Amino acid sequence: MSAFAVVYEYSNAPVDPAVLERVMERLSQRGPDGRDVLLSDHAALGHWHFWTTPEELGERQPLEVAGMPYKIVLDGRLDNRSELIARLDLSASDGSRLSDAALVLHAYEKWGEDCFTHFIGPFALAILDERAGELLCGRDALGDRGVFYAIQGTRLVMASESWAVAGADGTTAELNEKAVANYFAVKANEDGQTLFKNVNELLPAHVMKVDASGHRIWRYWKPDLSAKLRGRSDQEYAERFLSLLEESVRCRMRSSKPVGVLMSGGLDSTSVACLASRMIVPQKLKTISYVFDELPDCDERVFIKTVIDTWGIQSIQIPSDDLWPYKNLQDWPHNPNQPDGNLYRMVMERTYQRANREDLRVLLTGTYGDELYDGEEDWLYDLITEGRLRDAVHEINLHLRYTGLRRTWESAYLRRSIRHVIHQIPARKNLLDFFPRRSKQIFPAWLTPFSTESLSEEQHQFDPAYELKKNLLGSWTAGDCVNESYYTSCYGLELRHPYRDRRLVEYVLTLPAHQLYNHGQYKHVLRTAMQGILPEAIRTRSRPTTLHTLFARGMERERKIIQEYILDSDAAWRKYVRADWLKERWNIPVTIENDGVDKVVAWLCVSYARWYQTYR
């Protein structure tokens, strides 16, 4: 993961090089291949290099292309290069020699501000147009790379990490109380605010244009959620899905070094590994997995072995029984951008360390596969809408076996489906009163009045039309992607996520929900698509493996350190979380049945307290 920094003076005054240097210094871990800076009349650009694709090896950014009055800094990758080269009327040979950053400049020369709609892949970039005296900044449609900015007097500062922007003026930034409250509410800041006051994030699928008169921000991409496919069979849906997933995996294997796969025994990562493996035959794919000798409930070697036997992969397995939550907190890495939300951080740290020793720069993952299938709860609604009432009754009976009557009755999908049926009935108003829409302004029980008051003032920024897809299209998953890059960059490693491909996302958004959930199983279209590719033991799995036992081990063995943080009367979290609620509930055993967001509140408090101490 490379990184960039930009300083722009609205007043046309010369840029203070010390400002750019302060920002660049805070991004240094993201540049294993060096750095370059460029000073212009009233702007300065800096770039930390991390070369992972063949076309960018040796490239020095900020980049200029002969004959064009532009300079660009890019963190990211274009995954539709062939398509772009053709649309730009470049020959295949000429286009193949251009880096992704150079292709962006050619696209900007041809399409101007509309160029972003043509890009597929994770990216964050800034283009300085010296001819027009403008700065144009953009972020990819799903937001897998970050752009943060602040306006400090007549100066705009922009960078790949929020804390780098916050430190641009050499002072300690104030904390943003509303953003902290959102952290404890386990909510994304959909309006672009960060933990640092006056430091904002450019939202996914947005562009910002800056000139001497100020700045303007707009959204350049919105998926059409009204478009729904009506295929003739499960196989028809699956064939298109497989084609898009294969292309997503293939373009993410474009690397200057061999690519590995971070593989568990679940459906998503093993599907990526199987597709990647058959693409490089007779070479052997290298996969990295964490395993457990003492905690069989957490271990997935039985499924990993089926992939080894089927595709002959080189499987690296990392014993992780000793990496339980809260252990040796003093050794956990510190992310200056925000507290760590991952209880299993040290499992990931050991995994990244091993990938680094294996000389891997790129790891494909199955992460965010679950988010791709957001909307599976509409399966009943879609069956009713299509008039497939017999199938709806059959699926309800199957679902009752898995979830029971009470959880089915209380579910959002059942209420939505019933409301749809009632809407077809004349004089329906009184009936609808029995199934009201649930209020969105419900705050978690553990928040203090200060937190709820801060959040009650929040304007709802997320488009209501995308509410059911917010895990896929919103800022939470995008933010998780961006924040994880801080940890991987410390090991010279880039994660690539095939399930975050815009083309695949746009297709899945058009699928009827019974392709996402069918016959009592989630990810129906993936299971159908992977027939003959994914081992049957994995393809037909009905329940995922969890790390509940590892979590319980941490709660039991680290009880003393957790209590120290919880009983600390001066702890920073007390402003946001009710101490009485936490004391009563932090050590309740976690099971599959009672698992929920409330079980991580103790960790949020501990993680925030540690982060705040360093920040302060």
Foldseek 3Di string as FASTA:
>chain_A
DKKKKKKFFLVLQFDDVLLRVLLVVVRALQAPPAKDKDGDRGMIMIIRDQAWFPLCVPPYPQDDDPPAQKTKDKDWAFLPQVVLCVVLVHDPVVSVNHGPRVSLRSLCVPPNPLSLVVGWTFMWMWMQRVVVQKIKIATAQQQLFWKKWADDPRMIMIMRFQVSRCCSVPDQFDFDLLQLLCLLLVHDPQVQDARGPRMGIQWHQKMWMQHSVGIDMDHNDDFDLVFADDDPDLLVLLVVLLVLLLSLLVSLCRTPDGEAAADALALQRLLSLLSVLVVDPPDAHEYEYEAEDPDVLQGRVVSVVVSCVPRVHHYHYHYDLPQFFPPPVVPQDFDLRAFDLDRRRVVVLVRLQVCLVVVHAEYEYSPCVVLLLQPLLQQLQLCVVVVVVVQSVVVVVLQCVVPNDPCVVPDPSVLVNVVVVLVVDPPSVVVCVVRDDDDPLDTDPFWDPLSSVSNVPDDPDDDPVCVSSCSRRGVSVSVVSSSVVVSSSSSSHDYRYSSNTPVSSSSSSNYRSCCQPPSLAGNNSSLSNCVVRRPPVNSPDRDDRDCLVSNLVCCVVVVPVLVVLLVPPPQPCVNTTPSVVCVVPQNDRDDPVPDDPVNCSSVSSVSRSVSVVVSD
